Amino acid sequence: MRLADRIIAWIIVLLGLLFISAVKRQFTPENMWYVGTGMLVLLVGALNLLRIRVTSARWFVAAVDVLLACFAFFLGSASGLVVPGIILALLAVAEAGLSLMPAG
């Protein structure tokens, strides 16, 4: 289970990096919002990697994962990118579930 936990956390980090790398290289307010969203995804993945080592943060990280899942689902729906939003939301929900499992 811990291997799946690490793999999913790294996938979330990589999705954040992919999102940031896809932003156009112009400093416009819209592009900066995209970079900020990518940073959010990256940081949530990093929090999950941290939670694997520091298990006392599991409830906090699970709450962050649920918030990311809601954000990804609604942002994907609003922007017309439903499938990527659902994929990220499902990954975040999986991490929330893994966060709440007892350490072992």
PDB file of N, CA and C in Angstrom:
ATOM      1  N   MET A   1       0.821  -1.196   0.000  1.00  0.00           N
ATOM      2  CA  MET A   1       0.000   0.000   0.000  1.00  0.00           C
ATOM      3  C   MET A   1       0.866   1.263   0.000  1.00  0.00           C
ATOM      4  N   ARG A   2       2.006   1.199   0.712  1.00  0.00           N
ATOM      5  CA  ARG A   2       2.866   2.378   0.756  1.00  0.00           C
ATOM      6  C   ARG A   2       3.465   2.685  -0.614  1.00  0.00           C
ATOM      7  N   LEU A   3       3.711   1.652  -1.401  1.00  0.00           N
ATOM      8  CA  LEU A   3       4.240   1.882  -2.744  1.00  0.00           C
ATOM      9  C   LEU A   3       3.207   2.613  -3.596  1.00  0.00           C
ATOM     10  N   ALA A   4       1.957   2.177  -3.523  1.00  0.00           N
ATOM     11  CA  ALA A   4       0.885   2.863  -4.254  1.00  0.00           C
ATOM     12  C   ALA A   4       0.752   4.301  -3.772  1.00  0.00           C
ATOM     13  N   ASP A   5       0.880   4.509  -2.478  1.00  0.00           N
ATOM     14  CA  ASP A   5       0.809   5.844  -1.890  1.00  0.00           C
ATOM     15  C   ASP A   5       1.888   6.745  -2.489  1.00  0.00           C
ATOM     16  N   ARG A   6       3.112   6.250  -2.530  1.00  0.00           N
ATOM     17  CA  ARG A   6       4.222   7.036  -3.091  1.00  0.00           C
ATOM     18  C   ARG A   6       4.025   7.305  -4.577  1.00  0.00           C
ATOM     19  N   ILE A   7       3.586   6.293  -5.299  1.00  0.00           N
ATOM     20  CA  ILE A   7       3.396   6.455  -6.744  1.00  0.00           C
ATOM     21  C   ILE A   7       2.348   7.517  -7.026  1.00  0.00           C
ATOM     22  N   ILE A   8       1.214   7.461  -6.329  1.00  0.00           N
ATOM     23  CA  ILE A   8       0.150   8.444  -6.555  1.00  0.00           C
ATOM     24  C   ILE A   8       0.620   9.839  -6.163  1.00  0.00           C
ATOM     25  N   ALA A   9       1.337   9.961  -5.052  1.00  0.00           N
ATOM     26  CA  ALA A   9       1.846  11.271  -4.632  1.00  0.00           C
ATOM     27  C   ALA A   9       2.795  11.836  -5.686  1.00  0.00           C
ATOM     28  N   TRP A  10       3.676  11.007  -6.228  1.00  0.00           N
ATOM     29  CA  TRP A  10       4.595  11.480  -7.267  1.00  0.00           C
ATOM     30  C   TRP A  10       3.853  11.836  -8.552  1.00  0.00           C
ATOM     31  N   ILE A  11       2.797  11.104  -8.878  1.00  0.00           N
ATOM     32  CA  ILE A  11       1.998  11.446 -10.062  1.00  0.00           C
ATOM     33  C   ILE A  11       1.380  12.826  -9.883  1.00  0.00           C
ATOM     34  N   ILE A  12       0.885  13.129  -8.681  1.00  0.00           N
ATOM     35  CA  ILE A  12       0.306  14.451  -8.419  1.00  0.00           C
ATOM     36  C   ILE A  12       1.374  15.528  -8.570  1.00  0.00           C
ATOM     37  N   VAL A  13       2.569  15.288  -8.037  1.00  0.00           N
ATOM     38  CA  VAL A  13       3.668  16.251  -8.198  1.00  0.00           C
ATOM     39  C   VAL A  13       3.971  16.458  -9.683  1.00  0.00           C
ATOM     40  N   LEU A  14       4.066  15.370 -10.429  1.00  0.00           N
ATOM     41  CA  LEU A  14       4.375  15.476 -11.857  1.00  0.00           C
ATOM     42  C   LEU A  14       3.272  16.185 -12.633  1.00  0.00           C
ATOM     43  N   LEU A  15       2.017  15.969 -12.249  1.00  0.00           N
ATOM     44  CA  LEU A  15       0.919  16.690 -12.903  1.00  0.00           C
ATOM     45  C   LEU A  15       1.032  18.193 -12.649  1.00  0.00           C
ATOM     46  N   GLY A  16       1.426  18.568 -11.428  1.00  0.00           N
ATOM     47  CA  GLY A  16       1.641  19.982 -11.132  1.00  0.00           C
ATOM     48  C   GLY A  16       2.750  20.566 -11.985  1.00  0.00           C
ATOM     49  N   LEU A  17       3.854  19.838 -12.113  1.00  0.00           N
ATOM     50  CA  LEU A  17       4.964  20.301 -12.953  1.00  0.00           C
ATOM     51  C   LEU A  17       4.553  20.376 -14.420  1.00  0.00           C
ATOM     52  N   LEU A  18       3.789  19.399 -14.878  1.00  0.00           N
ATOM     53  CA  LEU A  18       3.303  19.398 -16.253  1.00  0.00           C
ATOM     54  C   LEU A  18       2.391  20.593 -16.505  1.00  0.00           C
ATOM     55  N   PHE A  19       1.523  20.879 -15.549  1.00  0.00           N
ATOM     56  CA  PHE A  19       0.609  22.013 -15.670  1.00  0.00           C
ATOM     57  C   PHE A  19       1.400  23.318 -15.771  1.00  0.00           C
ATOM     58  N   ILE A  20       2.415  23.476 -14.919  1.00  0.00           N
ATOM     59  CA  ILE A  20       3.237  24.690 -14.939  1.00  0.00           C
ATOM     60  C   ILE A  20       4.008  24.793 -16.251  1.00  0.00           C
ATOM     61  N   SER A  21       4.552  23.679 -16.720  1.00  0.00           N
ATOM     62  CA  SER A  21       5.360  23.722 -17.941  1.00  0.00           C
ATOM     63  C   SER A  21       4.527  24.006 -19.186  1.00  0.00           C
ATOM     64  N   ALA A  22       3.223  23.779 -19.125  1.00  0.00           N
ATOM     65  CA  ALA A  22       2.359  24.018 -20.276  1.00  0.00           C
ATOM     66  C   ALA A  22       1.911  25.473 -20.392  1.00  0.00           C
ATOM     67  N   VAL A  23       2.218  26.292 -19.391  1.00  0.00           N
ATOM     68  CA  VAL A  23       1.793  27.693 -19.402  1.00  0.00           C
ATOM     69  C   VAL A  23       2.672  28.477 -20.367  1.00  0.00           C
ATOM     70  N   LYS A  24       2.057  29.374 -21.127  1.00  0.00           N
ATOM     71  CA  LYS A  24       2.807  30.230 -22.047  1.00  0.00           C
ATOM     72  C   LYS A  24       3.792  31.093 -21.271  1.00  0.00           C
ATOM     73  N   ARG A  25       4.893  31.413 -21.876  1.00  0.00           N
ATOM     74  CA  ARG A  25       5.968  32.158 -21.218  1.00  0.00           C
ATOM     75  C   ARG A  25       5.769  33.673 -21.284  1.00  0.00           C
ATOM     76  N   GLN A  26       4.574  34.137 -21.029  1.00  0.00           N
ATOM     77  CA  GLN A  26       4.280  35.571 -20.986  1.00  0.00           C
ATOM     78  C   GLN A  26       3.738  35.895 -19.603  1.00  0.00           C
ATOM     79  N   PHE A  27       4.152  37.038 -19.074  1.00  0.00           N
ATOM     80  CA  PHE A  27       3.684  37.433 -17.746  1.00  0.00           C
ATOM     81  C   PHE A  27       2.371  38.190 -17.863  1.00  0.00           C
ATOM     82  N   THR A  28       1.285  37.431 -17.923  1.00  0.00           N
ATOM     83  CA  THR A  28      -0.047  38.025 -17.912  1.00  0.00           C
ATOM     84  C   THR A  28      -0.750  37.521 -16.657  1.00  0.00           C
ATOM     85  N   PRO A  29      -1.765  38.238 -16.201  1.00  0.00           N
ATOM     86  CA  PRO A  29      -2.486  37.772 -15.009  1.00  0.00           C
ATOM     87  C   PRO A  29      -3.067  36.363 -15.182  1.00  0.00           C
ATOM     88  N   GLU A  30      -3.576  36.067 -16.362  1.00  0.00           N
ATOM     89  CA  GLU A  30      -4.156  34.739 -16.596  1.00  0.00           C
ATOM     90  C   GLU A  30      -3.091  33.649 -16.475  1.00  0.00           C
ATOM     91  N   ASN A  31      -1.932  33.899 -17.078  1.00  0.00           N
ATOM     92  CA  ASN A  31      -0.862  32.903 -17.010  1.00  0.00           C
ATOM     93  C   ASN A  31      -0.366  32.716 -15.583  1.00  0.00           C
ATOM     94  N   MET A  32      -0.322  33.791 -14.820  1.00  0.00           N
ATOM     95  CA  MET A  32       0.125  33.670 -13.432  1.00  0.00           C
ATOM     96  C   MET A  32      -0.873  32.858 -12.605  1.00  0.00           C
ATOM     97  N   TRP A  33      -2.172  32.965 -12.918  1.00  0.00           N
ATOM     98  CA  TRP A  33      -3.162  32.133 -12.235  1.00  0.00           C
ATOM     99  C   TRP A  33      -2.931  30.657 -12.567  1.00  0.00           C
ATOM    100  N   TYR A  34      -2.599  30.369 -13.829  1.00  0.00           N
ATOM    101  CA  TYR A  34      -2.303  28.986 -14.213  1.00  0.00           C
ATOM    102  C   TYR A  34      -1.073  28.461 -13.473  1.00  0.00           C
ATOM    103  N   VAL A  35      -0.034  29.288 -13.379  1.00  0.00           N
ATOM    104  CA  VAL A  35       1.169  28.882 -12.649  1.00  0.00           C
ATOM    105  C   VAL A  35       0.822  28.628 -11.182  1.00  0.00           C
ATOM    106  N   GLY A  36       0.002  29.501 -10.598  1.00  0.00           N
ATOM    107  CA  GLY A  36      -0.410  29.323  -9.204  1.00  0.00           C
ATOM    108  C   GLY A  36      -1.187  28.035  -8.991  1.00  0.00           C
ATOM    109  N   THR A  37      -2.039  27.698  -9.945  1.00  0.00           N
ATOM    110  CA  THR A  37      -2.791  26.450  -9.853  1.00  0.00           C
ATOM    111  C   THR A  37      -1.852  25.245  -9.935  1.00  0.00           C
ATOM    112  N   GLY A  38      -0.891  25.311 -10.845  1.00  0.00           N
ATOM    113  CA  GLY A  38       0.097  24.237 -10.943  1.00  0.00           C
ATOM    114  C   GLY A  38       0.915  24.101  -9.671  1.00  0.00           C
ATOM    115  N   MET A  39       1.258  25.247  -9.063  1.00  0.00           N
ATOM    116  CA  MET A  39       2.003  25.216  -7.803  1.00  0.00           C
ATOM    117  C   MET A  39       1.166  24.591  -6.695  1.00  0.00           C
ATOM    118  N   LEU A  40      -0.140  24.875  -6.684  1.00  0.00           N
ATOM    119  CA  LEU A  40      -1.032  24.261  -5.700  1.00  0.00           C
ATOM    120  C   LEU A  40      -0.999  22.743  -5.832  1.00  0.00           C
ATOM    121  N   VAL A  41      -1.138  22.255  -7.043  1.00  0.00           N
ATOM    122  CA  VAL A  41      -1.138  20.809  -7.272  1.00  0.00           C
ATOM    123  C   VAL A  41       0.204  20.214  -6.855  1.00  0.00           C
ATOM    124  N   LEU A  42       1.290  20.865  -7.232  1.00  0.00           N
ATOM    125  CA  LEU A  42       2.628  20.402  -6.865  1.00  0.00           C
ATOM    126  C   LEU A  42       2.795  20.345  -5.350  1.00  0.00           C
ATOM    127  N   LEU A  43       2.350  21.379  -4.654  1.00  0.00           N
ATOM    128  CA  LEU A  43       2.497  21.413  -3.198  1.00  0.00           C
ATOM    129  C   LEU A  43       1.633  20.364  -2.500  1.00  0.00           C
ATOM    130  N   VAL A  44       0.455  20.088  -3.035  1.00  0.00           N
ATOM    131  CA  VAL A  44      -0.375  19.030  -2.446  1.00  0.00           C
ATOM    132  C   VAL A  44       0.317  17.673  -2.611  1.00  0.00           C
ATOM    133  N   GLY A  45       0.912  17.440  -3.771  1.00  0.00           N
ATOM    134  CA  GLY A  45       1.679  16.208  -3.952  1.00  0.00           C
ATOM    135  C   GLY A  45       2.850  16.129  -2.986  1.00  0.00           C
ATOM    136  N   ALA A  46       3.542  17.254  -2.797  1.00  0.00           N
ATOM    137  CA  ALA A  46       4.667  17.291  -1.854  1.00  0.00           C
ATOM    138  C   ALA A  46       4.192  17.053  -0.421  1.00  0.00           C
ATOM    139  N   LEU A  47       3.034  17.602  -0.070  1.00  0.00           N
ATOM    140  CA  LEU A  47       2.473  17.351   1.263  1.00  0.00           C
ATOM    141  C   LEU A  47       2.201  15.865   1.469  1.00  0.00           C
ATOM    142  N   ASN A  48       1.714  15.205   0.439  1.00  0.00           N
ATOM    143  CA  ASN A  48       1.464  13.765   0.546  1.00  0.00           C
ATOM    144  C   ASN A  48       2.761  12.991   0.713  1.00  0.00           C
ATOM    145  N   LEU A  49       3.807  13.405   0.025  1.00  0.00           N
ATOM    146  CA  LEU A  49       5.108  12.754   0.211  1.00  0.00           C
ATOM    147  C   LEU A  49       5.622  12.985   1.626  1.00  0.00           C
ATOM    148  N   LEU A  50       5.409  14.179   2.158  1.00  0.00           N
ATOM    149  CA  LEU A  50       5.815  14.478   3.532  1.00  0.00           C
ATOM    150  C   LEU A  50       5.005  13.647   4.526  1.00  0.00           C
ATOM    151  N   ARG A  51       3.699  13.505   4.268  1.00  0.00           N
ATOM    152  CA  ARG A  51       2.825  12.746   5.161  1.00  0.00           C
ATOM    153  C   ARG A  51       3.225  11.282   5.257  1.00  0.00           C
ATOM    154  N   ILE A  52       3.830  10.753   4.201  1.00  0.00           N
ATOM    155  CA  ILE A  52       4.277   9.362   4.239  1.00  0.00           C
ATOM    156  C   ILE A  52       5.323   9.181   5.336  1.00  0.00           C
ATOM    157  N   ARG A  53       6.153  10.196   5.549  1.00  0.00           N
ATOM    158  CA  ARG A  53       7.186  10.122   6.595  1.00  0.00           C
ATOM    159  C   ARG A  53       6.694  10.636   7.944  1.00  0.00           C
ATOM    160  N   VAL A  54       5.835  11.658   7.928  1.00  0.00           N
ATOM    161  CA  VAL A  54       5.336  12.267   9.176  1.00  0.00           C
ATOM    162  C   VAL A  54       3.854  11.924   9.282  1.00  0.00           C
ATOM    163  N   THR A  55       3.567  10.785   9.867  1.00  0.00           N
ATOM    164  CA  THR A  55       2.187  10.284   9.870  1.00  0.00           C
ATOM    165  C   THR A  55       1.250  11.087  10.760  1.00  0.00           C
ATOM    166  N   SER A  56       1.781  11.914  11.639  1.00  0.00           N
ATOM    167  CA  SER A  56       0.908  12.709  12.509  1.00  0.00           C
ATOM    168  C   SER A  56       0.153  13.776  11.724  1.00  0.00           C
ATOM    169  N   ALA A  57       0.560  14.044  10.497  1.00  0.00           N
ATOM    170  CA  ALA A  57      -0.101  15.061   9.678  1.00  0.00           C
ATOM    171  C   ALA A  57      -1.190  14.467   8.788  1.00  0.00           C
ATOM    172  N   ARG A  58      -1.565  13.217   9.027  1.00  0.00           N
ATOM    173  CA  ARG A  58      -2.451  12.539   8.081  1.00  0.00           C
ATOM    174  C   ARG A  58      -3.837  13.152   7.972  1.00  0.00           C
ATOM    175  N   TRP A  59      -4.419  13.630   9.065  1.00  0.00           N
ATOM    176  CA  TRP A  59      -5.760  14.227   8.994  1.00  0.00           C
ATOM    177  C   TRP A  59      -5.730  15.545   8.233  1.00  0.00           C
ATOM    178  N   PHE A  60      -4.706  16.339   8.485  1.00  0.00           N
ATOM    179  CA  PHE A  60      -4.561  17.614   7.776  1.00  0.00           C
ATOM    180  C   PHE A  60      -4.383  17.373   6.279  1.00  0.00           C
ATOM    181  N   VAL A  61      -3.502  16.450   5.929  1.00  0.00           N
ATOM    182  CA  VAL A  61      -3.232  16.178   4.517  1.00  0.00           C
ATOM    183  C   VAL A  61      -4.462  15.575   3.840  1.00  0.00           C
ATOM    184  N   ALA A  62      -5.212  14.748   4.544  1.00  0.00           N
ATOM    185  CA  ALA A  62      -6.449  14.198   3.977  1.00  0.00           C
ATOM    186  C   ALA A  62      -7.438  15.318   3.662  1.00  0.00           C
ATOM    187  N   ALA A  63      -7.542  16.305   4.556  1.00  0.00           N
ATOM    188  CA  ALA A  63      -8.433  17.445   4.305  1.00  0.00           C
ATOM    189  C   ALA A  63      -7.958  18.246   3.095  1.00  0.00           C
ATOM    190  N   VAL A  64      -6.654  18.450   2.979  1.00  0.00           N
ATOM    191  CA  VAL A  64      -6.097  19.163   1.823  1.00  0.00           C
ATOM    192  C   VAL A  64      -6.379  18.385   0.539  1.00  0.00           C
ATOM    193  N   ASP A  65      -6.257  17.069   0.590  1.00  0.00           N
ATOM    194  CA  ASP A  65      -6.547  16.238  -0.581  1.00  0.00           C
ATOM    195  C   ASP A  65      -8.007  16.359  -1.012  1.00  0.00           C
ATOM    196  N   VAL A  66      -8.920  16.366  -0.052  1.00  0.00           N
ATOM    197  CA  VAL A  66     -10.345  16.509  -0.381  1.00  0.00           C
ATOM    198  C   VAL A  66     -10.609  17.883  -0.999  1.00  0.00           C
ATOM    199  N   LEU A  67      -9.983  18.922  -0.462  1.00  0.00           N
ATOM    200  CA  LEU A  67     -10.139  20.260  -1.044  1.00  0.00           C
ATOM    201  C   LEU A  67      -9.594  20.308  -2.468  1.00  0.00           C
ATOM    202  N   LEU A  68      -8.445  19.680  -2.706  1.00  0.00           N
ATOM    203  CA  LEU A  68      -7.896  19.633  -4.067  1.00  0.00           C
ATOM    204  C   LEU A  68      -8.834  18.870  -4.997  1.00  0.00           C
ATOM    205  N   ALA A  69      -9.416  17.783  -4.514  1.00  0.00           N
ATOM    206  CA  ALA A  69     -10.347  17.009  -5.342  1.00  0.00           C
ATOM    207  C   ALA A  69     -11.536  17.865  -5.762  1.00  0.00           C
ATOM    208  N   CYS A  70     -12.103  18.612  -4.825  1.00  0.00           N
ATOM    209  CA  CYS A  70     -13.230  19.501  -5.142  1.00  0.00           C
ATOM    210  C   CYS A  70     -12.803  20.578  -6.130  1.00  0.00           C
ATOM    211  N   PHE A  71     -11.650  21.185  -5.866  1.00  0.00           N
ATOM    212  CA  PHE A  71     -11.134  22.240  -6.736  1.00  0.00           C
ATOM    213  C   PHE A  71     -10.908  21.706  -8.148  1.00  0.00           C
ATOM    214  N   ALA A  72     -10.265  20.552  -8.270  1.00  0.00           N
ATOM    215  CA  ALA A  72      -9.965  19.983  -9.585  1.00  0.00           C
ATOM    216  C   ALA A  72     -11.243  19.638 -10.339  1.00  0.00           C
ATOM    217  N   PHE A  73     -12.202  19.061  -9.644  1.00  0.00           N
ATOM    218  CA  PHE A  73     -13.454  18.686 -10.301  1.00  0.00           C
ATOM    219  C   PHE A  73     -14.198  19.915 -10.815  1.00  0.00           C
ATOM    220  N   PHE A  74     -14.354  20.923  -9.955  1.00  0.00           N
ATOM    221  CA  PHE A  74     -15.117  22.107 -10.362  1.00  0.00           C
ATOM    222  C   PHE A  74     -14.359  22.966 -11.365  1.00  0.00           C
ATOM    223  N   LEU A  75     -13.047  23.071 -11.236  1.00  0.00           N
ATOM    224  CA  LEU A  75     -12.264  23.818 -12.217  1.00  0.00           C
ATOM    225  C   LEU A  75     -12.307  23.117 -13.567  1.00  0.00           C
ATOM    226  N   GLY A  76     -12.188  21.795 -13.556  1.00  0.00           N
ATOM    227  CA  GLY A  76     -12.275  21.047 -14.805  1.00  0.00           C
ATOM    228  C   GLY A  76     -13.635  21.202 -15.464  1.00  0.00           C
ATOM    229  N   SER A  77     -14.686  21.182 -14.668  1.00  0.00           N
ATOM    230  CA  SER A  77     -16.040  21.357 -15.212  1.00  0.00           C
ATOM    231  C   SER A  77     -16.236  22.757 -15.771  1.00  0.00           C
ATOM    232  N   ALA A  78     -15.752  23.764 -15.059  1.00  0.00           N
ATOM    233  CA  ALA A  78     -15.946  25.153 -15.478  1.00  0.00           C
ATOM    234  C   ALA A  78     -15.124  25.499 -16.714  1.00  0.00           C
ATOM    235  N   SER A  79     -13.963  24.876 -16.869  1.00  0.00           N
ATOM    236  CA  SER A  79     -13.082  25.228 -17.985  1.00  0.00           C
ATOM    237  C   SER A  79     -13.269  24.321 -19.199  1.00  0.00           C
ATOM    238  N   GLY A  80     -14.136  23.342 -19.089  1.00  0.00           N
ATOM    239  CA  GLY A  80     -14.356  22.428 -20.198  1.00  0.00           C
ATOM    240  C   GLY A  80     -13.348  21.291 -20.256  1.00  0.00           C
ATOM    241  N   LEU A  81     -12.482  21.198 -19.266  1.00  0.00           N
ATOM    242  CA  LEU A  81     -11.489  20.117 -19.196  1.00  0.00           C
ATOM    243  C   LEU A  81     -11.940  19.092 -18.154  1.00  0.00           C
ATOM    244  N   VAL A  82     -13.068  18.475 -18.415  1.00  0.00           N
ATOM    245  CA  VAL A  82     -13.699  17.599 -17.428  1.00  0.00           C
ATOM    246  C   VAL A  82     -12.839  16.376 -17.124  1.00  0.00           C
ATOM    247  N   VAL A  83     -12.312  15.724 -18.145  1.00  0.00           N
ATOM    248  CA  VAL A  83     -11.557  14.483 -17.927  1.00  0.00           C
ATOM    249  C   VAL A  83     -10.290  14.726 -17.093  1.00  0.00           C
ATOM    250  N   PRO A  84      -9.429  15.716 -17.438  1.00  0.00           N
ATOM    251  CA  PRO A  84      -8.266  15.955 -16.566  1.00  0.00           C
ATOM    252  C   PRO A  84      -8.664  16.329 -15.141  1.00  0.00           C
ATOM    253  N   GLY A  85      -9.740  17.093 -14.996  1.00  0.00           N
ATOM    254  CA  GLY A  85     -10.209  17.462 -13.660  1.00  0.00           C
ATOM    255  C   GLY A  85     -10.639  16.249 -12.860  1.00  0.00           C
ATOM    256  N   ILE A  86     -11.339  15.337 -13.511  1.00  0.00           N
ATOM    257  CA  ILE A  86     -11.793  14.123 -12.823  1.00  0.00           C
ATOM    258  C   ILE A  86     -10.605  13.231 -12.467  1.00  0.00           C
ATOM    259  N   ILE A  87      -9.628  13.130 -13.367  1.00  0.00           N
ATOM    260  CA  ILE A  87      -8.445  12.307 -13.077  1.00  0.00           C
ATOM    261  C   ILE A  87      -7.715  12.840 -11.856  1.00  0.00           C
ATOM    262  N   LEU A  88      -7.467  14.150 -11.817  1.00  0.00           N
ATOM    263  CA  LEU A  88      -6.780  14.740 -10.668  1.00  0.00           C
ATOM    264  C   LEU A  88      -7.625  14.593  -9.404  1.00  0.00           C
ATOM    265  N   ALA A  89      -8.937  14.779  -9.521  1.00  0.00           N
ATOM    266  CA  ALA A  89      -9.817  14.628  -8.359  1.00  0.00           C
ATOM    267  C   ALA A  89      -9.766  13.198  -7.821  1.00  0.00           C
ATOM    268  N   LEU A  90      -9.777  12.209  -8.704  1.00  0.00           N
ATOM    269  CA  LEU A  90      -9.709  10.809  -8.259  1.00  0.00           C
ATOM    270  C   LEU A  90      -8.371  10.490  -7.597  1.00  0.00           C
ATOM    271  N   LEU A  91      -7.281  11.033  -8.144  1.00  0.00           N
ATOM    272  CA  LEU A  91      -5.973  10.830  -7.513  1.00  0.00           C
ATOM    273  C   LEU A  91      -5.944  11.450  -6.120  1.00  0.00           C
ATOM    274  N   ALA A  92      -6.525  12.646  -5.982  1.00  0.00           N
ATOM    275  CA  ALA A  92      -6.546  13.310  -4.677  1.00  0.00           C
ATOM    276  C   ALA A  92      -7.412  12.543  -3.681  1.00  0.00           C
ATOM    277  N   VAL A  93      -8.544  12.014  -4.136  1.00  0.00           N
ATOM    278  CA  VAL A  93      -9.401  11.220  -3.250  1.00  0.00           C
ATOM    279  C   VAL A  93      -8.679   9.937  -2.830  1.00  0.00           C
ATOM    280  N   ALA A  94      -7.956   9.321  -3.761  1.00  0.00           N
ATOM    281  CA  ALA A  94      -7.184   8.119  -3.413  1.00  0.00           C
ATOM    282  C   ALA A  94      -6.141   8.449  -2.350  1.00  0.00           C
ATOM    283  N   GLU A  95      -5.466   9.578  -2.495  1.00  0.00           N
ATOM    284  CA  GLU A  95      -4.473   9.980  -1.497  1.00  0.00           C
ATOM    285  C   GLU A  95      -5.136  10.288  -0.157  1.00  0.00           C
ATOM    286  N   ALA A  96      -6.328  10.881  -0.183  1.00  0.00           N
ATOM    287  CA  ALA A  96      -7.040  11.145   1.074  1.00  0.00           C
ATOM    288  C   ALA A  96      -7.348   9.830   1.778  1.00  0.00           C
ATOM    289  N   GLY A  97      -7.803   8.845   1.015  1.00  0.00           N
ATOM    290  CA  GLY A  97      -8.075   7.535   1.606  1.00  0.00           C
ATOM    291  C   GLY A  97      -6.822   6.885   2.162  1.00  0.00           C
ATOM    292  N   LEU A  98      -5.729   6.979   1.419  1.00  0.00           N
ATOM    293  CA  LEU A  98      -4.467   6.411   1.897  1.00  0.00           C
ATOM    294  C   LEU A  98      -3.945   7.173   3.111  1.00  0.00           C
ATOM    295  N   SER A  99      -4.242   8.462   3.186  1.00  0.00           N
ATOM    296  CA  SER A  99      -3.811   9.265   4.336  1.00  0.00           C
ATOM    297  C   SER A  99      -4.471   8.785   5.620  1.00  0.00           C
ATOM    298  N   LEU A 100      -5.704   8.342   5.520  1.00  0.00           N
ATOM    299  CA  LEU A 100      -6.459   7.969   6.712  1.00  0.00           C
ATOM    300  C   LEU A 100      -6.228   6.522   7.140  1.00  0.00           C
ATOM    301  N   MET A 101      -5.498   5.776   6.338  1.00  0.00           N
ATOM    302  CA  MET A 101      -5.183   4.397   6.733  1.00  0.00           C
ATOM    303  C   MET A 101      -4.120   4.419   7.825  1.00  0.00           C
ATOM    304  N   PRO A 102      -4.218   3.509   8.769  1.00  0.00           N
ATOM    305  CA  PRO A 102      -3.197   3.460   9.825  1.00  0.00           C
ATOM    306  C   PRO A 102      -1.815   3.187   9.241  1.00  0.00           C
ATOM    307  N   ALA A 103      -0.818   3.821   9.826  1.00  0.00           N
ATOM    308  CA  ALA A 103       0.562   3.615   9.361  1.00  0.00           C
ATOM    309  C   ALA A 103       0.983   2.190   9.666  1.00  0.00           C
ATOM    310  N   GLY A 104       1.716   1.615   8.749  1.00  0.00           N
ATOM    311  CA  GLY A 104       2.108   0.238   8.988  1.00  0.00           C
ATOM    312  C   GLY A 104       3.243  -0.196   8.231  1.00  0.00           C
TER     313      GLY A 104
END
